Amino acid sequence: MKDYLCQLRTKLLCPFLSSLLVMMLIGSISADASESVTLYTPYTKISVPPGESIDYEIDVINKSSSVRNMGISLSGLPKGWNSVMKSGGWSISQLSVLPNDKKTISLKVEVPLKVNKGSYRFYVLGNGHALLPLTVIVSEQGTYETEFTTDQPNMEGHSNSSFTFNAKLRNRTADKQLYALAANVSRGWEVRFNAAGKEVSSVNVDENGAENITIQINPPAEIKAGTYKIPVRATTNATSADLTLEVVVTGSYKMNFTTPTGLLSTSMTAGREKQIELVVKNTGSTELRDITFNADMPSDWSITFNPNKINRLNAGESTQVLAMVKASSKALAGDYIVKMTTRTPETSSNVEFRVAVKTSLLWGWMGIFIIVIACGSVYYLFRKYGRR
């Protein structure tokens, strides 16, 4: 109980003694001196958040007819607050001002992070000559946390797009922190962090400092269209911060045109037809509509597709198409290339077939028959006219 009363008495006496000290300092400044020297700044009462630095420009004005040499100091600055007073680029504690002249003092006051919300008053003293009261209103309760923010948390694009977010990691603690950077994503997603132009997995941030972080996100190649949340975290042993990014995948248009076995060659007889089995697969991440077919082939060849049009094909699905190829009856024996293409308004795919053409056996037998007739004719003529 005795200790408690002592503490209570101390708490009550400290503000009283501080006020008394300031009053004594004010009283010690003579009326003549206070009129001859003035301390002036336009910003005597300002509001700032915790961790802010305040820069004052204070004019020391000597209105008298003699040189004023005075000590310059601060009184009543709260505990834990730092200050630096300079003039002419030098830290000073005393200043001399010529008659009817003025000097400018730069005062920097650093509000700590560990500070309560409220109003704080302190004084700039020109000892024995002038006094300038200054008030700082701390606008919010001091926080000792980490902030991970971005101005653009949402992006839209195709599945083969690279989504790049610009974020800021702010250390609002009183100590330098080493942050580990990580993203919680499913398999197939790729997330990279860059700071100061280099790819990183961790980054150092000074107390009450900030670091710009670039986050590059690449979705899986076969991802379907949709909206995906990407949780990102910066963490240390003492503090952490989370940032949720959103990627809207509008879908990619891709398809593959081939055969069920992958074999891209066949053989056929000139003048005959050959049925070729084909497969169309939607390898993109969105639905394909109005798929049509056409072909480039040698002269006098023909080709028909069944079906000749596919109205819709969902992502990941495939369907079979039959191509009926007819070689020209005049085609010579050899290899020919038939290029078949499937297309939609958004994408296309093609396949090249190597077709080995053989001549018909009928023409072979006809050739043999003609040769036999020719040989028989020669033999007949030789028999008939050879003795003459």
Protein backbone atom coordinates (compact mmCIF):
# COMPACT_ATOMS: atom_id res chain seq x y z
CA MET A 1 0.00 0.00 0.00
CA LYS A 2 2.84 2.33 0.86
CA ASP A 3 4.54 1.63 -2.51
CA TYR A 4 1.28 2.32 -4.34
CA LEU A 5 0.88 5.70 -2.59
CA CYS A 6 4.43 6.60 -3.51
CA GLN A 7 3.83 5.75 -7.18
CA LEU A 8 0.58 7.74 -7.19
CA ARG A 9 2.33 10.74 -5.64
CA THR A 10 5.08 10.54 -8.28
CA LYS A 11 2.56 10.43 -11.13
CA LEU A 12 0.74 13.47 -9.77
CA LEU A 13 3.87 15.46 -9.00
CA CYS A 14 5.69 14.92 -12.34
CA PRO A 15 3.20 16.84 -14.54
CA PHE A 16 2.95 19.53 -11.85
CA LEU A 17 6.72 19.94 -11.62
CA SER A 18 7.05 20.03 -15.44
CA SER A 19 4.43 22.77 -15.67
CA LEU A 20 6.09 24.63 -12.83
CA LEU A 21 9.47 24.41 -14.58
CA VAL A 22 8.07 25.80 -17.82
CA MET A 23 6.36 28.63 -15.91
CA MET A 24 9.65 29.43 -14.21
CA LEU A 25 11.39 29.47 -17.58
CA ILE A 26 8.75 31.77 -18.98
CA GLY A 27 9.02 33.99 -15.93
CA SER A 28 12.79 34.13 -16.30
CA ILE A 29 12.48 35.72 -19.70
CA SER A 30 12.47 39.45 -19.18
CA ALA A 31 9.84 41.59 -20.84
CA ASP A 32 12.47 43.53 -22.69
CA ALA A 33 14.19 40.40 -23.97
CA SER A 34 10.95 38.74 -25.08
CA GLU A 35 10.08 41.81 -27.11
CA SER A 36 13.52 42.05 -28.69
CA VAL A 37 13.90 38.37 -29.73
CA THR A 38 11.17 36.24 -31.32
CA LEU A 39 11.07 32.54 -32.19
CA TYR A 40 8.68 31.92 -35.08
CA THR A 41 7.30 29.00 -37.09
CA PRO A 42 3.91 28.86 -38.82
CA TYR A 43 3.23 25.24 -37.76
CA THR A 44 2.79 25.28 -34.01
CA LYS A 45 0.14 22.54 -33.80
CA ILE A 46 0.12 19.60 -36.21
CA SER A 47 -1.29 16.07 -36.39
CA VAL A 48 0.81 13.06 -37.46
CA PRO A 49 0.66 9.25 -37.20
CA PRO A 50 3.12 7.23 -35.07
CA GLY A 51 6.58 6.83 -36.57
CA GLU A 52 6.44 10.13 -38.47
CA SER A 53 9.30 12.64 -38.72
CA ILE A 54 8.43 16.33 -38.37
CA ASP A 55 10.63 19.02 -39.90
CA TYR A 56 10.27 22.53 -38.46
CA GLU A 57 11.84 25.71 -39.87
CA ILE A 58 12.16 28.18 -36.97
CA ASP A 59 13.19 31.80 -37.43
CA VAL A 60 15.17 33.46 -34.63
CA ILE A 61 14.42 37.19 -35.10
CA ASN A 62 16.50 39.82 -33.28
CA LYS A 63 14.62 43.12 -33.16
CA SER A 64 17.06 44.80 -30.80
CA SER A 65 19.98 47.12 -31.55
CA SER A 66 22.55 44.73 -30.09
CA VAL A 67 23.83 41.25 -30.85
CA ARG A 68 21.91 38.50 -29.11
CA ASN A 69 23.90 35.41 -28.21
CA MET A 70 21.65 32.71 -26.78
CA GLY A 71 21.55 29.03 -26.05
CA ILE A 72 18.95 27.07 -28.03
CA SER A 73 17.33 24.02 -26.46
CA LEU A 74 14.17 21.92 -26.18
CA SER A 75 12.11 21.46 -23.04
CA GLY A 76 9.36 18.97 -22.34
CA LEU A 77 10.08 16.65 -25.28
CA PRO A 78 8.35 13.33 -24.44
CA LYS A 79 10.47 10.35 -23.47
CA GLY A 80 11.49 8.21 -26.45
CA TRP A 81 11.16 11.09 -28.92
CA ASN A 82 14.33 12.09 -30.80
CA SER A 83 15.29 15.51 -32.07
CA VAL A 84 18.06 17.19 -34.06
CA MET A 85 18.54 20.96 -34.23
CA LYS A 86 20.70 22.43 -37.00
CA SER A 87 21.62 25.72 -38.58
CA GLY A 88 23.94 26.23 -41.51
CA GLY A 89 24.29 22.46 -41.80
CA TRP A 90 25.67 22.13 -38.25
CA SER A 91 24.11 20.72 -35.10
CA ILE A 92 23.86 23.64 -32.67
CA SER A 93 23.11 24.42 -29.05
CA GLN A 94 23.88 28.16 -29.18
CA LEU A 95 23.19 30.86 -31.74
CA SER A 96 24.24 34.48 -32.24
CA VAL A 97 22.01 36.89 -34.20
CA LEU A 98 23.00 40.37 -35.40
CA PRO A 99 20.83 43.41 -34.63
CA ASN A 100 17.69 43.62 -36.77
CA ASP A 101 18.54 40.28 -38.39
CA LYS A 102 17.28 36.71 -38.26
CA LYS A 103 18.68 33.19 -38.42
CA THR A 104 16.82 30.02 -39.38
CA ILE A 105 16.98 26.83 -37.32
CA SER A 106 16.01 23.41 -38.69
CA LEU A 107 14.40 21.21 -36.07
CA LYS A 108 13.65 17.58 -36.79
CA VAL A 109 11.46 15.71 -34.32
CA GLU A 110 10.92 11.96 -34.68
CA VAL A 111 7.71 10.55 -33.24
CA PRO A 112 8.34 6.94 -32.13
CA LEU A 113 6.23 3.97 -33.15
CA LYS A 114 5.68 3.05 -29.53
CA VAL A 115 3.48 6.00 -28.63
CA ASN A 116 -0.06 6.44 -27.40
CA LYS A 117 -2.68 8.44 -29.21
CA GLY A 118 -3.00 11.96 -27.80
CA SER A 119 -1.68 15.52 -27.64
CA TYR A 120 1.97 16.25 -26.76
CA ARG A 121 3.42 19.71 -25.99
CA PHE A 122 7.05 20.82 -25.81
CA TYR A 123 9.00 24.09 -26.09
CA VAL A 124 11.88 25.60 -28.05
CA LEU A 125 13.83 27.90 -25.72
CA GLY A 126 16.10 30.79 -26.62
CA ASN A 127 17.51 30.85 -23.11
CA GLY A 128 16.81 34.11 -21.38
CA HIS A 129 15.35 35.63 -24.55
CA ALA A 130 12.36 33.76 -26.10
CA LEU A 131 10.11 30.70 -25.91
CA LEU A 132 8.15 28.86 -28.66
CA PRO A 133 5.47 26.32 -27.65
CA LEU A 134 4.88 23.45 -30.12
CA THR A 135 2.07 20.86 -30.02
CA VAL A 136 2.01 17.48 -31.78
CA ILE A 137 -1.21 15.47 -31.94
CA VAL A 138 -0.57 11.75 -32.47
CA SER A 139 -3.57 10.79 -34.59
CA GLU A 140 -3.72 7.07 -33.79
CA GLN A 141 -2.54 4.51 -31.31
CA GLY A 142 0.98 3.31 -32.07
CA THR A 143 1.18 -0.05 -33.82
CA TYR A 144 4.13 -2.41 -33.93
CA GLU A 145 3.03 -4.47 -36.89
CA THR A 146 3.86 -5.15 -40.53
CA GLU A 147 1.88 -3.86 -43.49
CA PHE A 148 1.79 -5.69 -46.85
CA THR A 149 -0.26 -3.73 -49.37
CA THR A 150 -0.85 -3.19 -53.08
CA ASP A 151 -2.82 -0.59 -55.02
CA GLN A 152 -3.97 -3.17 -57.60
CA PRO A 153 -4.89 -6.53 -55.97
CA ASN A 154 -6.88 -7.86 -58.96
CA MET A 155 -5.75 -8.72 -62.51
CA GLU A 156 -7.36 -10.45 -65.50
CA GLY A 157 -5.84 -12.34 -68.43
CA HIS A 158 -5.51 -15.61 -70.33
CA SER A 159 -4.03 -18.71 -68.70
CA ASN A 160 -0.75 -18.18 -70.57
CA SER A 161 -0.47 -14.62 -69.24
CA SER A 162 2.02 -13.55 -66.57
CA PHE A 163 0.34 -11.52 -63.80
CA THR A 164 2.64 -8.94 -62.17
CA PHE A 165 1.63 -7.14 -58.95
CA ASN A 166 3.48 -4.24 -57.32
CA ALA A 167 3.31 -4.42 -53.53
CA LYS A 168 4.83 -2.51 -50.60
CA LEU A 169 6.14 -4.20 -47.46
CA ARG A 170 6.27 -1.74 -44.56
CA ASN A 171 8.00 -2.55 -41.28
CA ARG A 172 6.14 -0.63 -38.56
CA THR A 173 8.16 -2.14 -35.74
CA ALA A 174 11.01 -0.52 -33.84
CA ASP A 175 13.57 -3.07 -35.09
CA LYS A 176 15.05 -4.12 -38.41
CA GLN A 177 13.30 -7.24 -39.70
CA LEU A 178 14.19 -10.06 -42.11
CA TYR A 179 10.97 -11.15 -43.82
CA ALA A 180 10.51 -14.55 -45.46
CA LEU A 181 8.24 -14.32 -48.51
CA ALA A 182 5.91 -17.15 -49.50
CA ALA A 183 2.68 -17.85 -51.39
CA ASN A 184 0.12 -20.53 -50.61
CA VAL A 185 -0.77 -21.91 -54.06
CA SER A 186 -1.76 -25.24 -55.56
CA ARG A 187 0.62 -27.39 -57.56
CA GLY A 188 1.33 -25.97 -61.01
CA TRP A 189 1.21 -22.32 -59.99
CA GLU A 190 4.45 -20.35 -60.06
CA VAL A 191 4.97 -17.32 -57.80
CA ARG A 192 8.18 -15.25 -57.85
CA PHE A 193 9.22 -12.34 -55.63
CA ASN A 194 11.54 -9.57 -56.82
CA ALA A 195 13.12 -6.77 -54.77
CA ALA A 196 15.65 -4.22 -56.03
CA GLY A 197 15.64 -5.94 -59.43
CA LYS A 198 16.57 -9.38 -58.06
CA GLU A 199 14.55 -12.51 -57.46
CA VAL A 200 14.37 -13.12 -53.70
CA SER A 201 12.77 -15.39 -51.12
CA SER A 202 13.39 -13.00 -48.21
CA VAL A 203 14.07 -9.31 -47.73
CA ASN A 204 15.49 -7.02 -45.03
CA VAL A 205 13.44 -3.95 -44.05
CA ASP A 206 14.72 -1.28 -41.65
CA GLU A 207 12.71 -0.18 -38.65
CA ASN A 208 9.83 2.02 -39.78
CA GLY A 209 11.05 1.44 -43.33
CA ALA A 210 9.49 0.03 -46.48
CA GLU A 211 10.52 -2.15 -49.43
CA ASN A 212 8.90 -2.40 -52.87
CA ILE A 213 8.15 -6.02 -53.80
CA THR A 214 7.20 -7.21 -57.29
CA ILE A 215 5.11 -10.41 -57.29
CA GLN A 216 4.94 -12.35 -60.56
CA ILE A 217 2.30 -15.08 -60.84
CA ASN A 218 2.13 -17.67 -63.63
CA PRO A 219 -0.91 -20.02 -63.62
CA PRO A 220 -0.75 -23.69 -64.72
CA ALA A 221 -0.93 -24.27 -68.49
CA GLU A 222 -4.12 -26.36 -68.30
CA ILE A 223 -6.00 -24.17 -65.82
CA LYS A 224 -9.69 -23.55 -66.44
CA ALA A 225 -11.25 -20.12 -66.67
CA GLY A 226 -12.25 -18.69 -63.30
CA THR A 227 -11.28 -16.45 -60.37
CA TYR A 228 -8.41 -17.58 -58.16
CA LYS A 229 -7.25 -16.18 -54.78
CA ILE A 230 -3.48 -16.12 -54.19
CA PRO A 231 -2.56 -15.69 -50.48
CA VAL A 232 0.89 -14.13 -50.01
CA ARG A 233 2.67 -13.77 -46.66
CA ALA A 234 5.69 -11.90 -45.28
CA THR A 235 6.79 -13.28 -41.92
CA THR A 236 9.49 -13.04 -39.23
CA ASN A 237 9.84 -14.54 -35.76
CA ALA A 238 8.21 -11.42 -34.30
CA THR A 239 5.63 -10.24 -36.84
CA SER A 240 3.89 -11.09 -40.10
CA ALA A 241 1.54 -9.65 -42.69
CA ASP A 242 -0.77 -11.23 -45.27
CA LEU A 243 -1.79 -10.01 -48.71
CA THR A 244 -4.46 -11.67 -50.86
CA LEU A 245 -4.14 -11.23 -54.62
CA GLU A 246 -6.83 -12.16 -57.13
CA VAL A 247 -6.19 -13.59 -60.60
CA VAL A 248 -9.08 -13.79 -63.07
CA VAL A 249 -8.31 -16.32 -65.82
CA THR A 250 -10.51 -15.64 -68.85
CA GLY A 251 -9.42 -18.85 -70.60
CA SER A 252 -7.06 -19.74 -73.44
CA TYR A 253 -8.02 -20.99 -76.90
CA LYS A 254 -5.96 -23.99 -78.00
CA MET A 255 -6.64 -27.26 -79.80
CA ASN A 256 -4.73 -30.22 -81.15
CA PHE A 257 -5.49 -31.97 -84.47
CA THR A 258 -3.94 -35.40 -84.95
CA THR A 259 -4.70 -39.14 -85.25
CA PRO A 260 -5.58 -41.51 -82.39
CA THR A 261 -2.18 -43.22 -82.70
CA GLY A 262 -0.14 -40.19 -83.73
CA LEU A 263 0.75 -41.87 -87.07
CA LEU A 264 0.78 -39.28 -89.86
CA SER A 265 1.26 -41.43 -92.96
CA THR A 266 -0.82 -43.85 -95.02
CA SER A 267 -0.96 -45.45 -98.44
CA MET A 268 -3.67 -45.73 -101.09
CA THR A 269 -4.29 -46.57 -104.72
CA ALA A 270 -4.74 -43.90 -107.36
CA GLY A 271 -8.41 -43.27 -108.05
CA ARG A 272 -9.49 -44.94 -104.80
CA GLU A 273 -10.72 -43.55 -101.45
CA LYS A 274 -9.11 -43.93 -98.05
CA GLN A 275 -10.72 -43.23 -94.68
CA ILE A 276 -8.46 -41.55 -92.12
CA GLU A 277 -9.39 -41.31 -88.44
CA LEU A 278 -8.62 -37.96 -86.82
CA VAL A 279 -9.00 -36.53 -83.30
CA VAL A 280 -9.72 -32.92 -82.34
CA LYS A 281 -8.87 -32.09 -78.72
CA ASN A 282 -9.57 -28.82 -76.89
CA THR A 283 -6.27 -28.24 -75.06
CA GLY A 284 -7.21 -24.73 -73.93
CA SER A 285 -9.01 -23.64 -70.80
CA THR A 286 -12.27 -22.43 -72.31
CA GLU A 287 -14.97 -23.78 -74.61
CA LEU A 288 -14.41 -23.81 -78.39
CA ARG A 289 -17.32 -23.10 -80.75
CA ASP A 290 -17.93 -23.49 -84.50
CA ILE A 291 -14.99 -25.74 -85.36
CA THR A 292 -14.63 -26.19 -89.14
CA PHE A 293 -12.32 -28.22 -91.42
CA ASN A 294 -10.55 -27.74 -94.75
CA ALA A 295 -7.60 -29.24 -96.59
CA ASP A 296 -4.82 -28.41 -99.07
CA MET A 297 -4.16 -31.33 -101.45
CA PRO A 298 -2.80 -32.17 -104.91
CA SER A 299 -4.79 -31.28 -108.00
CA ASP A 300 -7.83 -33.46 -108.79
CA TRP A 301 -7.87 -34.93 -105.28
CA SER A 302 -10.93 -34.60 -103.02
CA ILE A 303 -11.63 -34.85 -99.30
CA THR A 304 -14.77 -34.83 -97.14
CA PHE A 305 -15.03 -34.60 -93.35
CA ASN A 306 -17.60 -36.29 -91.15
CA PRO A 307 -18.80 -34.29 -89.30
CA ASN A 308 -17.91 -31.25 -91.35
CA LYS A 309 -18.49 -28.94 -88.35
CA ILE A 310 -18.34 -29.21 -84.54
CA ASN A 311 -20.66 -26.76 -82.80
CA ARG A 312 -18.97 -26.83 -79.39
CA LEU A 313 -16.16 -28.62 -77.60
CA ASN A 314 -15.51 -28.11 -73.87
CA ALA A 315 -12.06 -27.57 -72.40
CA GLY A 316 -10.16 -30.86 -72.07
CA GLU A 317 -12.60 -32.81 -74.27
CA SER A 318 -11.86 -34.50 -77.60
CA THR A 319 -13.95 -35.83 -80.47
CA GLN A 320 -13.35 -38.09 -83.49
CA VAL A 321 -13.53 -36.89 -87.08
CA LEU A 322 -13.38 -39.07 -90.19
CA ALA A 323 -11.67 -37.74 -93.33
CA MET A 324 -12.45 -39.50 -96.63
CA VAL A 325 -9.55 -38.84 -99.01
CA LYS A 326 -9.78 -39.71 -102.72
CA ALA A 327 -6.65 -39.65 -104.86
CA SER A 328 -6.78 -38.60 -108.48
CA SER A 329 -7.15 -41.48 -110.93
CA LYS A 330 -4.30 -39.90 -112.87
CA ALA A 331 -1.97 -39.76 -109.90
CA LEU A 332 1.43 -41.28 -110.52
CA ALA A 333 3.01 -43.59 -108.00
CA GLY A 334 4.84 -41.66 -105.29
CA ASP A 335 4.48 -39.72 -102.05
CA TYR A 336 2.02 -36.83 -101.66
CA ILE A 337 1.34 -34.37 -98.81
CA VAL A 338 -2.22 -33.65 -97.68
CA LYS A 339 -2.51 -30.77 -95.19
CA MET A 340 -5.71 -30.75 -93.13
CA THR A 341 -6.68 -27.80 -90.90
CA THR A 342 -9.26 -27.30 -88.18
CA ARG A 343 -10.07 -23.80 -87.04
CA THR A 344 -12.33 -21.58 -84.96
CA PRO A 345 -12.51 -17.76 -84.96
CA GLU A 346 -9.99 -17.78 -82.06
CA THR A 347 -7.45 -20.51 -82.92
CA SER A 348 -6.49 -23.24 -85.38
CA SER A 349 -4.45 -26.43 -85.70
CA ASN A 350 -3.25 -28.43 -88.67
CA VAL A 351 -1.85 -31.83 -89.49
CA GLU A 352 0.21 -32.92 -92.51
CA PHE A 353 -0.34 -36.40 -93.89
CA ARG A 354 2.15 -38.23 -96.07
CA VAL A 355 0.21 -40.36 -98.59
CA ALA A 356 2.02 -43.03 -100.60
CA VAL A 357 0.07 -43.58 -103.86
CA LYS A 358 0.23 -46.84 -105.80
CA THR A 359 -1.11 -47.30 -109.31
CA SER A 360 -4.08 -49.60 -109.83
CA LEU A 361 -3.44 -53.31 -110.65
CA LEU A 362 -5.88 -52.97 -113.54
CA TRP A 363 -3.51 -50.64 -115.29
CA GLY A 364 -0.71 -53.09 -114.65
CA TRP A 365 -2.65 -55.96 -116.21
CA MET A 366 -3.67 -53.74 -119.11
CA GLY A 367 -0.03 -52.92 -119.67
CA ILE A 368 0.88 -56.56 -119.67
CA PHE A 369 -2.02 -57.27 -122.05
CA ILE A 370 -0.84 -54.55 -124.44
CA ILE A 371 2.70 -55.93 -124.33
CA VAL A 372 1.42 -59.45 -125.08
CA ILE A 373 -0.66 -58.15 -128.01
CA ALA A 374 2.33 -56.21 -129.33
CA CYS A 375 4.57 -59.25 -129.09
CA GLY A 376 1.90 -61.42 -130.77
CA SER A 377 1.51 -58.93 -133.58
CA VAL A 378 5.23 -58.87 -134.23
CA TYR A 379 5.32 -62.68 -134.22
CA TYR A 380 2.38 -62.83 -136.65
CA LEU A 381 3.97 -60.36 -139.01
CA PHE A 382 7.27 -62.18 -138.84
CA ARG A 383 5.57 -65.49 -139.69
CA LYS A 384 3.57 -64.00 -142.50
CA TYR A 385 6.16 -61.86 -144.21
CA GLY A 386 9.42 -63.27 -142.94
CA ARG A 387 9.91 -65.81 -145.81
CA ARG A 388 9.60 -63.29 -148.63
